Protein backbone atom coordinates (compact mmCIF):
# COMPACT_ATOMS: atom_id res chain seq x y z
CA MET A 1 -79.09 37.30 -17.14
CA SER A 2 -77.07 37.10 -20.61
CA LEU A 3 -75.23 33.91 -21.68
CA TRP A 4 -73.02 36.08 -23.48
CA GLN A 5 -72.18 39.00 -21.05
CA GLY A 6 -68.38 38.16 -20.68
CA ARG A 7 -67.38 38.98 -23.56
CA PHE A 8 -68.86 42.66 -23.24
CA GLY A 9 -67.98 45.39 -20.65
CA SER A 10 -70.24 47.09 -17.94
CA GLU A 11 -72.54 48.77 -20.57
CA ALA A 12 -76.02 47.23 -20.25
CA PRO A 13 -77.66 45.98 -23.97
CA ALA A 14 -79.58 48.84 -25.45
CA GLU A 15 -83.17 48.87 -24.73
CA GLU A 16 -83.85 48.87 -28.76
CA LEU A 17 -81.51 45.47 -29.24
CA LEU A 18 -83.44 43.69 -26.52
CA GLU A 19 -86.99 44.73 -27.97
CA TYR A 20 -85.76 43.98 -31.54
CA THR A 21 -83.59 40.50 -30.58
CA VAL A 22 -85.67 38.38 -28.05
CA SER A 23 -87.55 35.68 -28.66
CA LEU A 24 -88.71 34.64 -25.48
CA ALA A 25 -92.29 35.38 -26.10
CA TYR A 26 -92.44 32.51 -28.76
CA ASP A 27 -89.72 30.30 -28.11
CA ARG A 28 -90.65 29.61 -24.28
CA ARG A 29 -92.98 26.95 -26.43
CA LEU A 30 -89.55 24.65 -26.76
CA ALA A 31 -89.14 24.94 -23.13
CA ALA A 32 -89.76 21.21 -22.36
CA ASP A 33 -88.01 20.21 -25.41
CA ASP A 34 -84.84 22.27 -23.98
CA VAL A 35 -85.08 20.73 -20.87
CA ALA A 36 -85.24 17.14 -22.60
CA GLY A 37 -82.21 18.38 -24.78
CA SER A 38 -79.99 19.42 -21.36
CA ARG A 39 -80.86 16.44 -19.64
CA ALA A 40 -79.41 14.19 -22.42
CA HIS A 41 -76.40 16.58 -22.52
CA VAL A 42 -75.71 16.36 -19.17
CA ARG A 43 -75.86 12.44 -19.46
CA GLY A 44 -73.35 12.60 -22.06
CA LEU A 45 -71.10 15.12 -19.88
CA ALA A 46 -70.99 12.31 -17.33
CA ALA A 47 -70.69 9.64 -19.48
CA ALA A 48 -67.59 11.37 -21.08
CA GLY A 49 -65.96 12.17 -17.72
CA ILE A 50 -66.17 15.81 -17.84
CA LEU A 51 -69.00 15.78 -15.13
CA SER A 52 -68.82 14.04 -12.02
CA ASP A 53 -71.74 11.75 -11.01
CA GLY A 54 -72.88 13.80 -8.08
CA ASP A 55 -72.51 17.05 -10.28
CA ALA A 56 -74.58 15.21 -12.82
CA ARG A 57 -77.32 14.58 -10.10
CA ILE A 58 -77.40 17.68 -9.19
CA LEU A 59 -78.23 18.99 -12.58
CA LEU A 60 -80.68 16.19 -13.54
CA THR A 61 -82.39 16.87 -10.34
CA ALA A 62 -82.67 20.67 -10.73
CA LEU A 63 -83.97 19.86 -14.66
CA ASP A 64 -86.53 17.52 -13.12
CA ARG A 65 -87.69 20.18 -11.22
CA VAL A 66 -87.72 22.84 -13.96
CA SER A 67 -89.75 20.09 -15.56
CA GLY A 68 -92.26 19.89 -12.83
CA GLU A 69 -92.57 23.60 -12.68
CA LEU A 70 -93.46 23.79 -16.46
CA GLU A 71 -95.88 21.36 -16.06
CA ALA A 72 -97.68 22.89 -13.29
CA GLY A 73 -97.28 26.25 -14.92
CA THR A 74 -95.41 27.85 -12.39
CA LEU A 75 -92.02 28.33 -14.21
CA GLU A 76 -91.08 31.97 -14.34
CA PHE A 77 -90.60 33.88 -17.50
CA ARG A 78 -88.93 37.16 -16.27
CA PRO A 79 -89.19 40.47 -18.45
CA GLY A 80 -85.64 40.91 -20.05
CA GLU A 81 -84.69 36.69 -20.41
CA GLU A 82 -83.52 36.74 -24.01
CA ASP A 83 -84.75 33.11 -24.80
CA VAL A 84 -85.92 30.05 -23.65
CA HIS A 85 -82.52 28.76 -23.25
CA THR A 86 -81.76 31.53 -20.58
CA VAL A 87 -84.53 30.86 -18.46
CA VAL A 88 -84.02 27.12 -18.26
CA GLU A 89 -80.51 27.67 -17.53
CA ARG A 90 -81.00 30.57 -15.08
CA ARG A 91 -83.70 28.30 -13.11
CA VAL A 92 -81.01 25.55 -12.65
CA THR A 93 -78.30 27.71 -11.87
CA GLU A 94 -80.96 29.12 -8.93
CA MET A 95 -81.41 25.31 -7.84
CA ALA A 96 -77.98 23.81 -8.45
CA GLY A 97 -75.93 26.93 -7.51
CA ASP A 98 -72.30 26.68 -8.67
CA VAL A 99 -72.97 23.64 -10.11
CA GLY A 100 -75.68 24.94 -12.61
CA ALA A 101 -72.49 27.12 -14.37
CA ARG A 102 -71.49 23.66 -15.79
CA LEU A 103 -75.07 22.80 -17.77
CA HIS A 104 -73.55 24.90 -20.82
CA THR A 105 -70.10 22.97 -20.88
CA GLY A 106 -69.51 21.95 -24.55
CA ARG A 107 -72.71 23.40 -25.75
CA SER A 108 -73.74 26.08 -27.95
CA ARG A 109 -77.20 27.46 -28.26
CA ASN A 110 -77.06 27.08 -32.00
CA ASP A 111 -76.70 23.16 -31.65
CA GLN A 112 -79.10 23.56 -28.64
CA VAL A 113 -82.12 25.23 -30.30
CA ALA A 114 -81.37 23.11 -33.85
CA THR A 115 -81.98 20.13 -31.24
CA ASP A 116 -84.93 21.51 -29.33
CA LEU A 117 -86.83 22.61 -32.63
CA ARG A 118 -86.52 19.59 -34.19
CA LEU A 119 -87.49 17.16 -30.98
CA PHE A 120 -90.61 19.57 -31.54
CA ALA A 121 -90.96 19.29 -34.80
CA LYS A 122 -91.20 15.64 -34.52
CA ARG A 123 -93.79 15.82 -32.14
CA GLU A 124 -96.01 18.22 -33.57
CA LEU A 125 -95.89 16.99 -37.03
CA LEU A 126 -97.41 13.59 -35.51
CA VAL A 127 -100.12 15.85 -33.99
CA VAL A 128 -101.31 17.33 -37.05
CA GLY A 129 -101.14 13.85 -38.91
CA ARG A 130 -103.59 12.43 -36.55
CA ARG A 131 -105.53 15.59 -36.81
CA LEU A 132 -105.70 14.70 -41.00
CA LEU A 133 -106.49 11.12 -40.39
CA ARG A 134 -109.39 11.96 -38.05
CA LEU A 135 -110.55 14.11 -40.91
CA GLN A 136 -110.23 11.39 -43.42
CA ARG A 137 -111.92 8.96 -41.08
CA VAL A 138 -115.27 11.21 -40.68
CA LEU A 139 -114.92 11.67 -44.69
CA PHE A 140 -114.70 7.76 -44.83
CA ASP A 141 -117.83 7.38 -42.23
CA ALA A 142 -119.72 10.10 -44.41
CA ALA A 143 -118.94 8.25 -48.00
CA ARG A 144 -120.05 4.87 -46.31
CA ALA A 145 -123.31 6.69 -45.39
CA ALA A 146 -123.82 8.16 -48.63
CA GLY A 147 -124.60 4.54 -50.12
CA ASP A 148 -125.84 5.33 -53.79
CA ALA A 149 -126.59 9.11 -53.56
CA TYR A 150 -125.11 10.97 -56.09
CA LEU A 151 -124.03 14.48 -57.27
CA PRO A 152 -123.37 16.45 -60.35
CA GLY A 153 -119.42 16.31 -60.81
CA TYR A 154 -117.88 19.24 -61.91
CA THR A 155 -115.19 20.94 -64.06
CA HIS A 156 -114.58 24.36 -64.62
CA LEU A 157 -117.50 24.82 -62.06
CA GLN A 158 -119.81 23.75 -64.76
CA ARG A 159 -122.16 20.48 -64.39
CA ALA A 160 -119.98 17.50 -66.06
CA GLN A 161 -120.94 14.12 -64.92
CA PRO A 162 -122.75 12.71 -62.17
CA VAL A 163 -120.73 10.78 -59.51
CA LEU A 164 -121.41 9.18 -56.28
CA LEU A 165 -121.38 11.17 -53.13
CA SER A 166 -118.81 9.07 -51.55
CA HIS A 167 -116.42 8.92 -54.42
CA HIS A 168 -116.45 13.00 -54.28
CA LEU A 169 -115.78 12.45 -50.56
CA LEU A 170 -113.16 10.48 -50.74
CA ALA A 171 -111.32 12.52 -53.26
CA HIS A 172 -110.78 14.83 -50.39
CA GLY A 173 -109.68 11.70 -48.36
CA TRP A 174 -107.07 10.71 -50.58
CA ALA A 175 -105.67 14.23 -51.05
CA LEU A 176 -105.61 14.13 -46.96
CA ALA A 177 -103.72 10.79 -47.04
CA ARG A 178 -101.02 12.51 -49.17
CA ASP A 179 -100.33 15.37 -46.88
CA VAL A 180 -100.29 12.98 -43.86
CA ASP A 181 -97.52 10.69 -45.92
CA ARG A 182 -95.49 13.92 -46.79
CA LEU A 183 -95.85 14.79 -42.73
CA LEU A 184 -94.12 11.38 -42.12
CA ALA A 185 -91.48 11.35 -44.35
CA THR A 186 -90.49 15.02 -43.29
CA ARG A 187 -90.35 13.73 -40.06
CA ARG A 188 -88.07 10.65 -41.08
CA ARG A 189 -85.79 13.16 -42.81
CA LEU A 190 -85.51 15.65 -39.61
CA ASP A 191 -84.81 12.53 -37.14
CA VAL A 192 -81.48 13.84 -36.77
CA SER A 193 -79.48 15.53 -33.48
CA PRO A 194 -77.54 18.30 -34.02
CA LEU A 195 -76.26 18.22 -30.30
CA GLY A 196 -72.67 18.17 -29.94
CA ALA A 197 -71.82 20.22 -33.09
CA GLY A 198 -71.57 23.04 -31.07
CA ALA A 199 -71.48 26.71 -32.29
CA LEU A 200 -70.31 25.42 -35.74
CA ALA A 201 -67.38 22.76 -35.40
CA GLY A 202 -68.08 20.66 -32.81
CA SER A 203 -65.71 20.42 -29.63
CA SER A 204 -62.30 19.89 -28.47
CA LEU A 205 -64.04 17.87 -25.33
CA PRO A 206 -64.37 14.24 -25.61
CA LEU A 207 -68.55 14.39 -26.37
CA ASP A 208 -70.46 11.33 -27.97
CA PRO A 209 -72.92 13.09 -30.19
CA ASP A 210 -74.24 9.31 -30.85
CA LEU A 211 -74.75 8.73 -27.17
CA THR A 212 -77.14 11.94 -26.73
CA ALA A 213 -78.91 11.09 -30.13
CA ALA A 214 -79.74 7.93 -28.94
CA GLU A 215 -80.46 9.35 -25.36
CA LEU A 216 -83.07 11.90 -27.19
CA GLY A 217 -84.69 8.96 -29.25
CA PHE A 218 -83.37 10.32 -32.46
CA ALA A 219 -82.51 7.98 -35.41
CA HIS A 220 -79.14 9.35 -36.40
CA ARG A 221 -76.94 12.07 -35.38
CA PHE A 222 -75.34 14.81 -37.55
CA GLU A 223 -72.66 14.10 -39.97
CA ASN A 224 -71.11 17.92 -40.58
CA SER A 225 -71.20 20.18 -37.47
CA LEU A 226 -71.20 23.43 -40.04
CA ASP A 227 -74.80 21.73 -41.59
CA ALA A 228 -76.20 20.87 -38.05
CA VAL A 229 -76.31 24.35 -36.62
CA SER A 230 -77.57 25.80 -39.80
CA ASP A 231 -79.91 23.22 -41.50
CA ARG A 232 -83.46 24.47 -41.71
CA ASP A 233 -84.42 22.19 -44.73
CA PHE A 234 -87.01 20.59 -42.44
CA VAL A 235 -88.53 23.53 -41.00
CA ALA A 236 -88.90 24.65 -45.41
CA GLU A 237 -90.33 21.08 -45.96
CA ALA A 238 -92.81 21.05 -42.83
CA LEU A 239 -94.12 24.61 -44.28
CA PHE A 240 -94.90 23.15 -47.88
CA ASP A 241 -96.25 20.18 -46.52
CA LEU A 242 -98.69 22.40 -44.25
CA ALA A 243 -99.23 24.85 -46.79
CA LEU A 244 -100.36 22.08 -49.27
CA ALA A 245 -102.65 20.47 -46.35
CA GLY A 246 -103.90 23.99 -46.19
CA VAL A 247 -104.75 23.99 -49.51
CA HIS A 248 -106.80 20.98 -49.32
CA LEU A 249 -108.19 22.17 -46.30
CA SER A 250 -109.41 25.31 -48.47
CA ARG A 251 -110.52 23.42 -51.42
CA LEU A 252 -112.69 21.33 -48.97
CA GLY A 253 -113.84 24.55 -47.37
CA GLU A 254 -114.79 26.05 -50.79
CA GLU A 255 -116.64 23.30 -51.69
CA ILE A 256 -118.76 23.64 -48.31
CA VAL A 257 -119.23 27.41 -48.76
CA LEU A 258 -120.66 26.57 -52.22
CA TRP A 259 -122.82 23.54 -51.14
CA ALA A 260 -124.16 25.38 -48.13
CA SER A 261 -125.34 28.28 -50.21
CA ASP A 262 -129.25 28.46 -51.12
CA GLU A 263 -128.43 28.18 -55.03
CA PHE A 264 -126.74 25.14 -54.24
CA GLY A 265 -128.69 23.26 -51.25
CA PHE A 266 -126.59 20.52 -51.04
CA VAL A 267 -125.89 20.70 -47.34
CA THR A 268 -126.89 22.39 -44.06
CA LEU A 269 -124.62 22.85 -41.19
CA ALA A 270 -125.10 22.02 -37.65
CA ASP A 271 -126.18 25.40 -35.38
CA ALA A 272 -122.68 24.42 -33.41
CA TYR A 273 -120.64 24.67 -36.39
CA ALA A 274 -121.87 28.16 -38.39
CA THR A 275 -122.25 31.40 -37.12
CA GLY A 276 -124.79 34.07 -37.48
CA SER A 277 -124.97 37.65 -38.76
CA SER A 278 -125.07 40.79 -36.24
CA MET A 279 -127.42 42.28 -38.49
CA LEU A 280 -129.29 39.91 -40.79
CA PRO A 281 -131.69 37.76 -38.81
CA GLN A 282 -131.83 34.61 -41.44
CA LYS A 283 -128.08 34.16 -42.04
CA LYS A 284 -126.24 31.01 -41.52
CA ASN A 285 -122.90 31.23 -42.08
CA PRO A 286 -119.95 28.79 -43.01
CA ASP A 287 -117.47 30.41 -41.31
CA ILE A 288 -115.23 27.53 -40.37
CA ALA A 289 -115.25 26.57 -44.17
CA GLU A 290 -114.23 29.91 -44.85
CA LEU A 291 -111.38 30.44 -42.51
CA ALA A 292 -110.01 27.01 -44.13
CA ARG A 293 -109.48 28.80 -47.33
CA GLY A 294 -108.44 32.29 -45.77
CA ARG A 295 -105.79 31.01 -43.36
CA THR A 296 -104.34 29.24 -46.18
CA GLY A 297 -103.09 32.43 -47.19
CA ARG A 298 -101.11 32.39 -44.16
CA LEU A 299 -99.63 29.46 -44.71
CA ILE A 300 -98.64 29.69 -48.00
CA GLY A 301 -96.84 33.19 -46.88
CA HIS A 302 -95.19 31.55 -44.20
CA LEU A 303 -93.51 29.03 -46.50
CA ALA A 304 -92.36 31.98 -49.37
CA GLY A 305 -91.08 34.50 -46.31
CA PHE A 306 -88.92 31.60 -45.02
CA LEU A 307 -87.73 30.21 -48.16
CA ALA A 308 -86.67 33.93 -49.01
CA THR A 309 -84.84 34.18 -45.65
CA LEU A 310 -82.74 31.51 -45.95
CA LYS A 311 -81.62 31.87 -49.38
CA GLY A 312 -79.43 34.55 -48.35
CA LEU A 313 -77.62 33.02 -45.93
CA PRO A 314 -73.93 31.72 -45.75
CA LEU A 315 -73.03 29.21 -43.48
CA SER A 316 -73.49 28.66 -40.73
CA TYR A 317 -75.50 29.88 -37.89
CA ASN A 318 -76.98 33.29 -38.66
CA ARG A 319 -79.70 35.04 -36.21
CA ASP A 320 -81.72 35.25 -39.51
CA LEU A 321 -82.47 31.69 -38.62
CA GLN A 322 -84.42 32.93 -35.52
CA GLU A 323 -87.30 33.74 -38.10
CA ASP A 324 -87.57 29.42 -38.54
CA LYS A 325 -90.08 29.65 -35.40
CA GLU A 326 -92.97 31.92 -35.61
CA PRO A 327 -94.03 30.42 -39.13
CA LEU A 328 -93.32 26.84 -37.81
CA PHE A 329 -95.38 27.31 -34.95
CA ASP A 330 -98.45 28.81 -36.81
CA ALA A 331 -98.56 26.94 -39.42
CA LEU A 332 -98.80 23.74 -37.10
CA ASP A 333 -101.19 25.13 -35.41
CA GLN A 334 -103.39 26.61 -37.98
CA VAL A 335 -103.32 23.15 -39.95
CA ALA A 336 -104.55 21.23 -36.78
CA LEU A 337 -107.41 23.46 -35.85
CA GLY A 338 -108.35 23.60 -39.32
CA ALA A 339 -108.62 19.81 -39.74
CA GLY A 340 -110.18 19.42 -36.23
CA ALA A 341 -112.88 22.32 -36.93
CA LEU A 342 -113.45 20.87 -40.55
CA ALA A 343 -114.28 17.02 -39.07
CA GLY A 344 -116.60 18.54 -36.80
CA LEU A 345 -118.37 20.53 -39.32
CA ILE A 346 -118.69 17.46 -41.85
CA SER A 347 -119.45 14.85 -39.28
CA THR A 348 -122.48 17.02 -38.18
CA ALA A 349 -123.90 18.17 -41.57
CA THR A 350 -126.61 17.07 -43.37
CA PHE A 351 -126.23 16.16 -46.88
CA HIS A 352 -129.16 17.03 -48.92
CA THR A 353 -129.19 14.08 -51.12
CA ALA A 354 -132.62 14.58 -53.09
CA ARG A 355 -131.15 17.95 -54.15
CA MET A 356 -127.60 16.84 -55.40
CA GLN A 357 -129.56 13.99 -57.36
CA GLU A 358 -132.36 16.57 -58.93
CA ALA A 359 -129.00 18.78 -60.23
CA ALA A 360 -127.21 15.61 -61.38
CA ASP A 361 -130.48 14.17 -63.46
CA THR A 362 -130.06 16.76 -66.02
CA PRO A 363 -129.89 14.95 -69.45
CA TYR A 364 -127.12 16.97 -70.49
CA ALA A 365 -124.83 14.85 -67.89
CA ALA A 366 -125.35 11.83 -70.11
CA ALA A 367 -123.99 13.55 -73.00
CA VAL A 368 -120.75 11.25 -72.63
CA ASP A 369 -122.44 8.34 -72.47
CA LEU A 370 -124.34 8.78 -75.52
CA ALA A 371 -121.12 9.21 -77.49
CA GLU A 372 -119.81 5.88 -75.93
CA TRP A 373 -122.85 4.02 -76.83
CA LEU A 374 -122.22 5.24 -80.46
CA VAL A 375 -119.00 4.21 -79.96
CA GLU A 376 -119.62 0.67 -79.04
CA GLY A 377 -121.46 0.47 -82.06
CA GLY A 378 -118.50 1.33 -83.86
CA MET A 379 -118.59 4.98 -84.62
CA PRO A 380 -115.04 6.79 -83.88
CA PHE A 381 -115.36 8.88 -80.88
CA ARG A 382 -114.76 12.25 -82.60
CA GLU A 383 -117.38 11.99 -84.78
CA ALA A 384 -119.63 10.48 -81.95
CA HIS A 385 -118.66 13.62 -80.05
CA GLY A 386 -119.61 15.81 -82.85
CA VAL A 387 -123.36 14.01 -83.33
CA VAL A 388 -124.03 14.04 -79.41
CA GLY A 389 -122.87 18.03 -79.44
CA ALA A 390 -125.22 18.87 -82.44
CA LEU A 391 -128.07 17.47 -80.34
CA VAL A 392 -127.27 19.50 -77.33
CA ARG A 393 -126.60 22.65 -79.36
CA ASP A 394 -129.79 22.18 -81.05
CA ALA A 395 -131.83 21.19 -77.74
CA LEU A 396 -130.63 24.40 -76.11
CA GLU A 397 -131.06 26.67 -79.02
CA ARG A 398 -134.71 25.71 -79.81
CA ARG A 399 -135.86 24.78 -76.30
CA VAL A 400 -136.64 21.17 -77.25
CA PRO A 401 -136.01 18.24 -74.69
CA LEU A 402 -132.66 16.14 -75.90
CA ALA A 403 -134.68 12.94 -75.34
CA GLU A 404 -136.81 14.07 -78.09
CA LEU A 405 -133.93 14.53 -80.30
CA VAL A 406 -132.44 11.58 -79.10
CA GLU A 407 -135.05 9.29 -80.05
CA ALA A 408 -135.41 10.90 -83.52
CA HIS A 409 -131.75 10.52 -84.32
CA PRO A 410 -131.31 7.37 -86.71
CA ALA A 411 -127.69 6.64 -84.69
CA LEU A 412 -129.27 6.91 -81.58
CA GLY A 413 -133.04 5.66 -81.39
CA SER A 414 -135.28 4.18 -78.49
CA ASP A 415 -132.60 2.02 -77.56
CA ALA A 416 -130.06 5.24 -76.26
CA LEU A 417 -133.27 6.60 -74.97
CA ALA A 418 -132.58 4.79 -71.54
CA LEU A 419 -129.37 6.43 -71.16
CA LEU A 420 -130.95 9.77 -70.20
CA ALA A 421 -133.30 8.09 -67.44
CA PRO A 422 -132.38 9.61 -64.04
CA GLY A 423 -129.43 7.88 -62.30
CA VAL A 424 -128.58 5.79 -64.95
CA ALA A 425 -125.37 7.51 -66.16
CA VAL A 426 -123.52 7.23 -62.60
CA THR A 427 -123.98 3.56 -62.87
CA ARG A 428 -121.93 3.44 -66.19
CA ARG A 429 -118.57 4.44 -64.75
CA THR A 430 -117.12 1.18 -64.67
CA THR A 431 -113.77 1.55 -64.70
CA PRO A 432 -111.13 0.79 -61.59
CA GLY A 433 -111.26 4.15 -59.47
CA GLY A 434 -113.96 5.54 -61.24
CA ALA A 435 -117.25 7.17 -60.05
CA GLY A 436 -119.58 4.11 -59.85
CA PRO A 437 -120.80 1.79 -57.80
CA VAL A 438 -118.96 -1.16 -58.42
CA ALA A 439 -115.60 0.69 -58.41
CA VAL A 440 -116.54 2.87 -55.44
CA ALA A 441 -117.27 -0.11 -53.55
CA VAL A 442 -113.53 -1.72 -54.20
CA GLN A 443 -112.27 2.12 -53.36
CA LEU A 444 -114.24 2.15 -50.10
CA GLY A 445 -112.43 -0.85 -48.58
CA ARG A 446 -108.86 0.26 -50.25
CA PHE A 447 -109.39 3.55 -48.36
CA ALA A 448 -110.08 1.67 -45.08
CA ALA A 449 -106.95 -0.52 -45.58
CA ALA A 450 -104.85 3.02 -46.47
CA LEU A 451 -106.58 4.27 -42.91
CA GLU A 452 -105.60 1.08 -41.35
CA ARG A 453 -101.63 1.75 -42.56
CA GLU A 454 -101.80 5.30 -41.82
CA ALA A 455 -102.89 5.16 -38.12
CA SER A 456 -100.14 2.02 -37.91
CA ASP A 457 -97.52 4.84 -39.40
CA LEU A 458 -98.44 7.42 -37.01
CA HIS A 459 -98.50 5.23 -34.00
CA ALA A 460 -95.01 3.82 -34.94
CA ASP A 461 -93.32 7.04 -35.57
CA ASP A 462 -94.20 8.11 -31.97
CA SER A 463 -91.75 5.59 -30.59
CA GLY A 464 -89.08 7.70 -32.15
């Protein structure tokens, strides 16, 4: 069955044409949304007097049966059918007889697929948002459980200053919170119904796009029919949001890979969330974390590829836009799966806080505290930086404990020596948002409130 065969003669479509252009293998994922859009369209046709009440009931009953078959997994997708719209219309016609030929009245596959994809994206962006929220909650729980444990904070992957483990975990949590905020903002912008735009110019029939928009739970209907059928900004935005979320998952995964190594020894993964080696019996591999890194390359590629597709298109609809679905579907899947897997990995991992603290307790990690101690005594910071930097260099070159040089220095002495004691430096981070105990206690409260707001937004947006 073809939805466009009337214009053509008796010659069947070439096999190469069908193999290259069919989209059913992946757009069948939009079937439930196609049925929902068709229901709204039928009601709109009835409200406009284009369909009789009786014909509308027949079509709606058929669509309900198609929906039931979808849920039961019994809807037949036949070889050679071009797309999901073909399948739904064919099945409705099988059930409704001649009335089925009225289903597509006043509608094009151009506004139909744009409607389907927006309905799908509205729902699935919430799914990803909730997965990211779950991962944030896991990080929050781990942060609360960490107590006063601390570890080295790094810049350039070199030990810099000690920070509370809770502070470090929450840093990932705040990044994920921004990801959810972006997904929700994209969802709000895509909440526009294209149904009624037709192929590109609307219709001569008395359709009411406002009615069908409300029927489908959209916040608005389109303002410009050309824009409505060609707009895929929301796909590009979603791909960016998902790519950046993937980058954040990748960064978290990279740290797990490092921390789980013998060289760091900061964390041990639960057996259920690690893999082994087919050759090396001793191995315990952080495959989830590694795949979170690796699959982010795919997400970035989806965004770059789709933007390249869009940049060459004139108005309005072009078949190139068929390329919107596979990258979006895959990006949604990979971020949802990655966030879920990392949540399980972190919630079951064992953090070795003694090893972390041992790594953070090097006296060199308190170098800036020595400089700031001199600043508090009136010395300009640049001069204080030079004094402490020279002591560090001297200690390293002569292999002399830094503590000895600090105690012997006339500007420092025994009063400054206490700054080098284990665990002292992290307590001196007192500025708001900083890595010390007082600031982190406030941050935990603020993050808990942010999670509450986020959960409310995800739930509220679910109502459409």
